[in-house]
């Protein structure tokens, strides 16, 4: 199954595509989409939406996973992040993809084993789990971590569903 992980941000939104087969993970692609600084908020959101649509059309994932918003000390920044996150949720949902959300702590715990791991630990584990991933930025590494988290949890849900069907 092909999955896309998304790490929302108004300036930079990370994305990462992986394929899963059983418990095997394979890196497909990763990167970052950017909005134009200094432009009105609505135009920046259109930038994100269009770029994400291009990525979704190009890689054709079966599902999307998005990191939940954490509350920042700056309410204005938190609000802008929330608006950008809305676009990140909308793009795959508008295409009919199931969208799953995971907290930052659950993502870190799923990838590193510790819910309060730092960015370097997450990036190091993403590189180990997905050999060949270039990881041009920490946003892309975070997005791949979201995809890995979803792959693990989706696999567990399918095993539980199969067991419940017996």
N, C-alpha and C. Protein backbone atom coordinates (compact mmCIF):
# COMPACT_ATOMS: atom_id res chain seq x y z
N UNK A 1 0.85 -1.17 0.00
CA UNK A 1 0.00 0.00 0.00
C UNK A 1 0.90 1.24 0.00
N UNK A 2 0.51 2.24 -0.75
CA UNK A 2 1.27 3.49 -0.80
C UNK A 2 0.61 4.51 0.12
N UNK A 3 1.43 5.13 0.99
CA UNK A 3 0.95 6.10 1.98
C UNK A 3 1.71 7.40 1.83
N UNK A 4 1.04 8.49 2.17
CA UNK A 4 1.71 9.78 2.24
C UNK A 4 1.58 10.32 3.66
N UNK A 5 2.69 10.79 4.19
CA UNK A 5 2.71 11.45 5.48
C UNK A 5 2.89 12.94 5.24
N UNK A 6 2.21 13.75 6.04
CA UNK A 6 2.25 15.20 5.86
C UNK A 6 2.53 15.88 7.19
N UNK A 7 3.48 16.79 7.18
CA UNK A 7 3.85 17.59 8.36
C UNK A 7 3.49 19.04 8.05
N UNK A 8 2.32 19.50 8.52
CA UNK A 8 1.81 20.81 8.12
C UNK A 8 2.62 21.99 8.64
N UNK A 9 2.68 23.00 7.81
CA UNK A 9 3.28 24.28 8.17
C UNK A 9 2.85 25.30 7.14
N UNK A 10 2.69 26.55 7.54
CA UNK A 10 2.28 27.57 6.59
C UNK A 10 3.40 27.92 5.63
N UNK A 11 4.61 28.03 6.13
CA UNK A 11 5.75 28.35 5.26
C UNK A 11 6.26 27.11 4.53
N UNK A 12 6.40 26.01 5.27
CA UNK A 12 6.95 24.77 4.72
C UNK A 12 6.12 23.59 5.21
N UNK A 13 5.58 22.83 4.30
CA UNK A 13 4.85 21.61 4.63
C UNK A 13 5.64 20.42 4.09
N UNK A 14 6.07 19.56 5.00
CA UNK A 14 6.82 18.38 4.59
C UNK A 14 5.89 17.29 4.11
N UNK A 15 6.38 16.51 3.16
CA UNK A 15 5.61 15.36 2.67
C UNK A 15 6.57 14.20 2.44
N UNK A 16 6.05 12.99 2.63
CA UNK A 16 6.85 11.80 2.41
C UNK A 16 5.96 10.66 1.99
N UNK A 17 6.37 9.95 0.95
CA UNK A 17 5.59 8.84 0.42
C UNK A 17 6.38 7.55 0.66
N UNK A 18 5.69 6.56 1.21
CA UNK A 18 6.29 5.24 1.43
C UNK A 18 5.35 4.17 0.88
N UNK A 19 5.89 2.98 0.69
CA UNK A 19 5.08 1.82 0.34
C UNK A 19 5.27 0.78 1.44
N UNK A 20 4.20 0.08 1.74
CA UNK A 20 4.25 -0.96 2.75
C UNK A 20 3.81 -2.29 2.13
N UNK A 21 4.46 -3.33 2.57
CA UNK A 21 4.08 -4.69 2.20
C UNK A 21 4.31 -5.52 3.45
N UNK A 22 3.23 -5.86 4.14
CA UNK A 22 3.38 -6.53 5.43
C UNK A 22 4.07 -5.58 6.39
N UNK A 23 5.19 -6.05 6.98
CA UNK A 23 5.91 -5.17 7.90
C UNK A 23 7.11 -4.50 7.23
N UNK A 24 7.20 -4.59 5.91
CA UNK A 24 8.29 -3.96 5.16
C UNK A 24 7.89 -2.56 4.72
N UNK A 25 8.84 -1.65 4.85
CA UNK A 25 8.63 -0.26 4.42
C UNK A 25 9.64 0.07 3.33
N UNK A 26 9.19 0.85 2.34
CA UNK A 26 10.08 1.28 1.28
C UNK A 26 9.87 2.76 0.99
N UNK A 27 10.96 3.50 0.97
CA UNK A 27 10.92 4.92 0.66
C UNK A 27 10.60 5.10 -0.82
N UNK A 28 9.66 6.00 -1.13
CA UNK A 28 9.33 6.32 -2.51
C UNK A 28 9.84 7.71 -2.84
N UNK A 29 9.45 8.70 -2.05
CA UNK A 29 9.85 10.09 -2.31
C UNK A 29 9.55 10.94 -1.09
N UNK A 30 10.20 12.09 -1.03
CA UNK A 30 9.91 13.05 0.04
C UNK A 30 10.30 14.44 -0.43
N UNK A 31 9.81 15.42 0.28
CA UNK A 31 10.13 16.80 -0.07
C UNK A 31 9.35 17.78 0.77
N UNK A 32 9.36 19.02 0.32
CA UNK A 32 8.69 20.09 1.04
C UNK A 32 8.00 20.99 0.03
N UNK A 33 6.78 21.40 0.34
CA UNK A 33 6.10 22.42 -0.46
C UNK A 33 6.17 23.73 0.33
N UNK A 34 6.23 24.82 -0.39
CA UNK A 34 6.42 26.13 0.24
C UNK A 34 5.32 27.09 -0.21
N UNK A 35 4.94 27.97 0.69
CA UNK A 35 4.07 29.08 0.30
C UNK A 35 4.94 30.33 0.17
N UNK A 36 4.44 31.28 -0.56
CA UNK A 36 5.21 32.49 -0.82
C UNK A 36 5.11 33.47 0.36
N UNK A 37 6.24 33.72 1.00
CA UNK A 37 6.29 34.70 2.10
C UNK A 37 5.84 36.06 1.60
N UNK A 38 5.17 36.79 2.47
CA UNK A 38 4.78 38.15 2.15
C UNK A 38 3.49 38.25 1.35
N UNK A 39 2.92 37.13 0.97
CA UNK A 39 1.67 37.14 0.22
C UNK A 39 0.51 37.06 1.22
N UNK A 40 -0.69 37.48 0.82
CA UNK A 40 -1.86 37.33 1.70
C UNK A 40 -2.08 35.87 2.08
N UNK A 41 -2.64 35.66 3.24
CA UNK A 41 -2.84 34.31 3.76
C UNK A 41 -3.60 33.42 2.77
N UNK A 42 -4.64 33.94 2.16
CA UNK A 42 -5.43 33.13 1.23
C UNK A 42 -4.57 32.65 0.06
N UNK A 43 -3.71 33.49 -0.46
CA UNK A 43 -2.83 33.09 -1.57
C UNK A 43 -1.83 32.03 -1.13
N UNK A 44 -1.34 32.16 0.09
CA UNK A 44 -0.39 31.17 0.61
C UNK A 44 -1.05 29.81 0.75
N UNK A 45 -2.31 29.81 1.17
CA UNK A 45 -3.04 28.55 1.32
C UNK A 45 -3.30 27.91 -0.05
N UNK A 46 -3.59 28.73 -1.05
CA UNK A 46 -3.75 28.21 -2.41
C UNK A 46 -2.44 27.59 -2.89
N UNK A 47 -1.31 28.25 -2.59
CA UNK A 47 0.01 27.68 -2.94
C UNK A 47 0.14 26.26 -2.40
N UNK A 48 -0.14 26.11 -1.11
CA UNK A 48 -0.01 24.79 -0.47
C UNK A 48 -0.96 23.78 -1.11
N UNK A 49 -2.21 24.18 -1.30
CA UNK A 49 -3.22 23.28 -1.84
C UNK A 49 -2.84 22.79 -3.24
N UNK A 50 -2.43 23.69 -4.09
CA UNK A 50 -2.07 23.30 -5.46
C UNK A 50 -0.85 22.39 -5.50
N UNK A 51 0.16 22.72 -4.71
CA UNK A 51 1.36 21.88 -4.70
C UNK A 51 1.07 20.50 -4.14
N UNK A 52 0.27 20.45 -3.07
CA UNK A 52 -0.09 19.14 -2.50
C UNK A 52 -0.92 18.33 -3.50
N UNK A 53 -1.81 18.97 -4.22
CA UNK A 53 -2.59 18.26 -5.23
C UNK A 53 -1.69 17.68 -6.31
N UNK A 54 -0.67 18.42 -6.72
CA UNK A 54 0.27 17.90 -7.71
C UNK A 54 0.99 16.65 -7.19
N UNK A 55 1.40 16.68 -5.93
CA UNK A 55 2.09 15.53 -5.33
C UNK A 55 1.14 14.34 -5.22
N UNK A 56 -0.08 14.59 -4.77
CA UNK A 56 -1.06 13.51 -4.64
C UNK A 56 -1.38 12.91 -6.01
N UNK A 57 -1.49 13.73 -7.02
CA UNK A 57 -1.76 13.23 -8.37
C UNK A 57 -0.57 12.42 -8.90
N UNK A 58 0.62 12.87 -8.59
CA UNK A 58 1.81 12.20 -9.10
C UNK A 58 2.11 10.88 -8.43
N UNK A 59 1.87 10.77 -7.13
CA UNK A 59 2.25 9.56 -6.40
C UNK A 59 1.07 8.64 -6.08
N UNK A 60 -0.15 9.11 -6.21
CA UNK A 60 -1.36 8.29 -6.05
C UNK A 60 -1.36 7.43 -4.78
N UNK A 61 -1.21 8.06 -3.58
CA UNK A 61 -1.27 7.25 -2.36
C UNK A 61 -2.69 6.73 -2.11
N UNK A 62 -2.77 5.67 -1.33
CA UNK A 62 -4.05 5.08 -0.95
C UNK A 62 -4.62 5.70 0.31
N UNK A 63 -3.76 6.34 1.10
CA UNK A 63 -4.18 6.97 2.35
C UNK A 63 -3.19 8.06 2.71
N UNK A 64 -3.65 8.97 3.57
CA UNK A 64 -2.80 10.07 4.04
C UNK A 64 -2.81 10.10 5.56
N UNK A 65 -1.67 10.49 6.13
CA UNK A 65 -1.55 10.66 7.57
C UNK A 65 -0.98 12.05 7.83
N UNK A 66 -1.54 12.74 8.81
CA UNK A 66 -1.19 14.12 9.09
C UNK A 66 -0.87 14.28 10.57
N UNK A 67 0.19 15.04 10.84
CA UNK A 67 0.53 15.32 12.23
C UNK A 67 -0.47 16.32 12.81
N UNK A 68 -0.94 16.05 14.02
CA UNK A 68 -1.86 16.97 14.70
C UNK A 68 -1.11 18.23 15.11
N UNK A 69 -1.86 19.32 15.27
CA UNK A 69 -1.29 20.59 15.69
C UNK A 69 -1.03 20.58 17.18
N UNK A 70 0.13 21.10 17.56
CA UNK A 70 0.39 21.31 18.97
C UNK A 70 0.13 22.77 19.26
N UNK A 71 -0.23 23.10 20.49
CA UNK A 71 -0.51 24.48 20.85
C UNK A 71 0.80 25.19 21.14
N UNK A 72 1.01 26.27 20.42
CA UNK A 72 2.22 27.07 20.52
C UNK A 72 2.03 28.15 21.59
N UNK A 73 3.10 28.74 22.06
CA UNK A 73 2.99 29.85 23.01
C UNK A 73 2.41 31.09 22.36
N UNK A 74 2.62 31.23 21.05
CA UNK A 74 2.13 32.38 20.32
C UNK A 74 0.79 32.01 19.68
N UNK A 75 -0.33 32.61 20.17
CA UNK A 75 -1.65 32.24 19.63
C UNK A 75 -1.79 32.54 18.14
N UNK A 76 -1.19 33.60 17.64
CA UNK A 76 -1.30 33.93 16.22
C UNK A 76 -0.61 32.87 15.37
N UNK A 77 0.55 32.40 15.82
CA UNK A 77 1.25 31.33 15.09
C UNK A 77 0.46 30.04 15.10
N UNK A 78 -0.13 29.72 16.24
CA UNK A 78 -0.94 28.51 16.35
C UNK A 78 -2.14 28.57 15.41
N UNK A 79 -2.77 29.73 15.34
CA UNK A 79 -3.92 29.89 14.45
C UNK A 79 -3.52 29.73 12.99
N UNK A 80 -2.40 30.33 12.58
CA UNK A 80 -1.93 30.21 11.20
C UNK A 80 -1.57 28.76 10.87
N UNK A 81 -0.94 28.07 11.82
CA UNK A 81 -0.62 26.66 11.62
C UNK A 81 -1.90 25.85 11.47
N UNK A 82 -2.90 26.17 12.26
CA UNK A 82 -4.18 25.46 12.18
C UNK A 82 -4.86 25.65 10.83
N UNK A 83 -4.77 26.86 10.29
CA UNK A 83 -5.36 27.13 8.99
C UNK A 83 -4.62 26.34 7.90
N UNK A 84 -3.29 26.34 7.96
CA UNK A 84 -2.49 25.57 7.00
C UNK A 84 -2.79 24.09 7.14
N UNK A 85 -2.96 23.63 8.36
CA UNK A 85 -3.27 22.22 8.60
C UNK A 85 -4.61 21.86 7.98
N UNK A 86 -5.56 22.79 8.01
CA UNK A 86 -6.85 22.56 7.36
C UNK A 86 -6.69 22.27 5.88
N UNK A 87 -5.81 23.02 5.22
CA UNK A 87 -5.55 22.79 3.79
C UNK A 87 -4.88 21.43 3.59
N UNK A 88 -3.96 21.09 4.49
CA UNK A 88 -3.25 19.80 4.39
C UNK A 88 -4.23 18.64 4.58
N UNK A 89 -5.22 18.81 5.43
CA UNK A 89 -6.25 17.78 5.60
C UNK A 89 -7.20 17.74 4.40
N UNK A 90 -7.51 18.91 3.87
CA UNK A 90 -8.46 19.01 2.77
C UNK A 90 -7.95 18.38 1.48
N UNK A 91 -6.69 18.61 1.13
CA UNK A 91 -6.17 18.16 -0.16
C UNK A 91 -6.38 16.66 -0.38
N UNK A 92 -5.96 15.79 0.53
CA UNK A 92 -6.21 14.35 0.29
C UNK A 92 -7.68 13.98 0.46
N UNK A 93 -8.37 14.60 1.40
CA UNK A 93 -9.78 14.27 1.63
C UNK A 93 -10.62 14.62 0.40
N UNK A 94 -10.29 15.72 -0.25
CA UNK A 94 -11.02 16.16 -1.43
C UNK A 94 -10.86 15.15 -2.57
N UNK A 95 -9.78 14.40 -2.56
CA UNK A 95 -9.53 13.37 -3.58
C UNK A 95 -10.14 12.02 -3.17
N UNK A 96 -10.81 11.97 -2.02
CA UNK A 96 -11.44 10.74 -1.57
C UNK A 96 -10.55 9.82 -0.78
N UNK A 97 -9.36 10.29 -0.39
CA UNK A 97 -8.44 9.46 0.39
C UNK A 97 -8.84 9.46 1.86
N UNK A 98 -8.70 8.33 2.54
CA UNK A 98 -8.87 8.36 3.99
C UNK A 98 -7.69 9.12 4.61
N UNK A 99 -8.00 9.96 5.59
CA UNK A 99 -6.98 10.79 6.24
C UNK A 99 -6.96 10.44 7.73
N UNK A 100 -5.77 10.13 8.22
CA UNK A 100 -5.58 9.76 9.62
C UNK A 100 -4.71 10.81 10.29
N UNK A 101 -4.97 11.05 11.57
CA UNK A 101 -4.22 12.06 12.31
C UNK A 101 -3.53 11.43 13.51
N UNK A 102 -2.29 11.90 13.76
CA UNK A 102 -1.50 11.37 14.87
C UNK A 102 -0.83 12.51 15.61
N UNK A 103 -0.76 12.39 16.92
CA UNK A 103 -0.08 13.40 17.73
C UNK A 103 1.43 13.28 17.54
N UNK A 104 2.13 14.37 17.79
CA UNK A 104 3.59 14.37 17.66
C UNK A 104 4.22 13.33 18.59
N UNK A 105 3.70 13.21 19.81
CA UNK A 105 4.27 12.23 20.75
C UNK A 105 4.06 10.80 20.27
N UNK A 106 2.90 10.49 19.70
CA UNK A 106 2.66 9.14 19.20
C UNK A 106 3.55 8.84 18.00
N UNK A 107 3.75 9.81 17.15
CA UNK A 107 4.63 9.63 15.99
C UNK A 107 6.05 9.31 16.46
N UNK A 108 6.56 10.12 17.39
CA UNK A 108 7.91 9.90 17.91
C UNK A 108 8.02 8.55 18.60
N UNK A 109 7.00 8.19 19.36
CA UNK A 109 7.03 6.91 20.07
C UNK A 109 7.00 5.75 19.08
N UNK A 110 6.24 5.89 18.00
CA UNK A 110 6.15 4.84 16.99
C UNK A 110 7.44 4.66 16.21
N UNK A 111 8.16 5.75 15.99
CA UNK A 111 9.37 5.71 15.16
C UNK A 111 10.63 5.50 15.99
N UNK A 112 10.72 6.21 17.11
CA UNK A 112 11.94 6.20 17.92
C UNK A 112 11.80 5.30 19.14
N UNK A 113 10.57 5.19 19.67
CA UNK A 113 10.35 4.42 20.89
C UNK A 113 10.19 5.30 22.10
N UNK A 114 10.38 6.62 21.90
CA UNK A 114 10.27 7.59 22.99
C UNK A 114 9.41 8.74 22.51
N UNK A 115 8.38 9.11 23.29
CA UNK A 115 7.45 10.16 22.88
C UNK A 115 8.02 11.56 22.87
N UNK A 116 9.14 11.76 23.54
CA UNK A 116 9.73 13.11 23.59
C UNK A 116 11.09 13.13 22.92
N UNK A 117 11.24 12.35 21.87
CA UNK A 117 12.51 12.31 21.14
C UNK A 117 12.74 13.64 20.43
N UNK A 118 14.01 13.98 20.21
CA UNK A 118 14.30 15.23 19.50
C UNK A 118 14.35 14.96 18.00
N UNK A 119 14.43 16.05 17.23
CA UNK A 119 14.40 15.95 15.77
C UNK A 119 15.52 15.09 15.21
N UNK A 120 16.70 15.17 15.81
CA UNK A 120 17.83 14.38 15.32
C UNK A 120 17.57 12.88 15.50
N UNK A 121 16.97 12.50 16.61
CA UNK A 121 16.66 11.10 16.85
C UNK A 121 15.63 10.59 15.84
N UNK A 122 14.61 11.41 15.57
CA UNK A 122 13.58 11.04 14.60
C UNK A 122 14.22 10.86 13.22
N UNK A 123 15.03 11.82 12.81
CA UNK A 123 15.67 11.76 11.50
C UNK A 123 16.58 10.52 11.38
N UNK A 124 17.33 10.23 12.43
CA UNK A 124 18.21 9.07 12.41
C UNK A 124 17.41 7.77 12.25
N UNK A 125 16.29 7.64 12.95
CA UNK A 125 15.48 6.43 12.84
C UNK A 125 14.77 6.34 11.49
N UNK A 126 14.35 7.48 10.95
CA UNK A 126 13.74 7.46 9.61
C UNK A 126 14.76 6.95 8.60
N UNK A 127 16.01 7.41 8.71
CA UNK A 127 17.06 6.94 7.80
C UNK A 127 17.30 5.43 7.95
N UNK A 128 17.23 4.93 9.16
CA UNK A 128 17.43 3.49 9.39
C UNK A 128 16.26 2.66 8.85
N UNK A 129 15.05 3.17 9.06
CA UNK A 129 13.86 2.43 8.63
C UNK A 129 13.62 2.52 7.12
N UNK A 130 14.12 3.62 6.51
CA UNK A 130 13.92 3.84 5.08
C UNK A 130 15.26 4.09 4.39
N UNK A 131 16.07 3.06 4.21
CA UNK A 131 17.36 3.25 3.56
C UNK A 131 17.16 3.88 2.18
N UNK A 132 18.01 4.81 1.85
CA UNK A 132 17.92 5.49 0.56
C UNK A 132 17.16 6.80 0.62
N UNK A 133 16.50 7.08 1.74
CA UNK A 133 15.79 8.36 1.86
C UNK A 133 16.83 9.47 1.96
N UNK A 134 16.69 10.50 1.13
CA UNK A 134 17.68 11.59 1.11
C UNK A 134 17.42 12.64 2.18
N UNK A 135 16.18 12.86 2.53
CA UNK A 135 15.79 13.79 3.59
C UNK A 135 16.45 15.17 3.42
N UNK A 136 15.96 15.90 2.47
CA UNK A 136 16.49 17.24 2.22
C UNK A 136 16.25 18.21 3.37
N UNK A 137 15.27 17.92 4.21
CA UNK A 137 14.97 18.83 5.33
C UNK A 137 14.35 18.06 6.49
N UNK A 138 14.31 18.71 7.64
CA UNK A 138 13.68 18.08 8.81
C UNK A 138 12.17 17.97 8.60
N UNK A 139 11.58 18.87 7.79
CA UNK A 139 10.14 18.78 7.50
C UNK A 139 9.83 17.50 6.74
N UNK A 140 10.67 17.15 5.78
CA UNK A 140 10.49 15.91 5.01
C UNK A 140 10.68 14.70 5.92
N UNK A 141 11.68 14.74 6.80
CA UNK A 141 11.92 13.64 7.73
C UNK A 141 10.71 13.47 8.66
N UNK A 142 10.17 14.57 9.14
CA UNK A 142 8.99 14.50 10.01
C UNK A 142 7.80 13.90 9.26
N UNK A 143 7.62 14.28 7.99
CA UNK A 143 6.52 13.74 7.19
C UNK A 143 6.67 12.24 6.99
N UNK A 144 7.89 11.78 6.72
CA UNK A 144 8.13 10.34 6.59
C UNK A 144 7.86 9.63 7.91
N UNK A 145 8.19 10.28 9.03
CA UNK A 145 7.90 9.69 10.34
C UNK A 145 6.39 9.54 10.53
N UNK A 146 5.61 10.51 10.06
CA UNK A 146 4.14 10.41 10.14
C UNK A 146 3.67 9.21 9.32
N UNK A 147 4.23 9.05 8.12
CA UNK A 147 3.85 7.91 7.27
C UNK A 147 4.22 6.58 7.93
N UNK A 148 5.40 6.51 8.53
CA UNK A 148 5.84 5.29 9.21
C UNK A 148 4.89 4.97 10.37
N UNK A 149 4.55 5.99 11.14
CA UNK A 149 3.63 5.82 12.26
C UNK A 149 2.31 5.24 11.76
N UNK A 150 1.79 5.82 10.69
CA UNK A 150 0.52 5.32 10.16
C UNK A 150 0.66 3.88 9.66
N UNK A 151 1.76 3.58 9.00
CA UNK A 151 1.97 2.21 8.51
C UNK A 151 1.92 1.21 9.66
N UNK A 152 2.58 1.54 10.76
CA UNK A 152 2.58 0.64 11.92
C UNK A 152 1.17 0.49 12.50
N UNK A 153 0.47 1.60 12.65
CA UNK A 153 -0.85 1.55 13.26
C UNK A 153 -1.89 0.92 12.33
N UNK A 154 -1.78 1.18 11.04
CA UNK A 154 -2.71 0.56 10.08
C UNK A 154 -2.51 -0.95 10.05
N UNK A 155 -1.26 -1.38 10.12
CA UNK A 155 -0.95 -2.82 10.14
C UNK A 155 -1.57 -3.47 11.37
N UNK A 156 -1.42 -2.82 12.51
CA UNK A 156 -1.99 -3.35 13.75
C UNK A 156 -3.50 -3.43 13.66
N UNK A 157 -4.14 -2.36 13.12
CA UNK A 157 -5.60 -2.37 12.97
C UNK A 157 -6.06 -3.50 12.06
N UNK A 158 -5.32 -3.77 10.99
CA UNK A 158 -5.74 -4.84 10.07
C UNK A 158 -5.60 -6.21 10.74
N UNK A 159 -4.57 -6.40 11.55
CA UNK A 159 -4.40 -7.66 12.27
C UNK A 159 -5.54 -7.84 13.27
N UNK A 160 -5.89 -6.79 13.97
CA UNK A 160 -7.00 -6.87 14.93
C UNK A 160 -8.31 -7.17 14.20
N UNK A 161 -8.52 -6.52 13.05
CA UNK A 161 -9.75 -6.74 12.29
C UNK A 161 -9.83 -8.19 11.81
N UNK A 162 -8.72 -8.73 11.34
CA UNK A 162 -8.70 -10.11 10.88
C UNK A 162 -8.97 -11.07 12.03
N UNK A 163 -8.43 -10.78 13.20
CA UNK A 163 -8.66 -11.62 14.37
C UNK A 163 -10.09 -11.56 14.85
N UNK A 164 -10.70 -10.39 14.70
CA UNK A 164 -12.09 -10.22 15.12
C UNK A 164 -13.06 -10.88 14.16
N UNK A 165 -12.62 -11.13 12.93
CA UNK A 165 -13.50 -11.73 11.95
C UNK A 165 -13.60 -13.25 12.11
N UNK A 166 -12.70 -13.81 12.90
CA UNK A 166 -12.70 -15.28 13.06
C UNK A 166 -13.79 -15.77 13.94
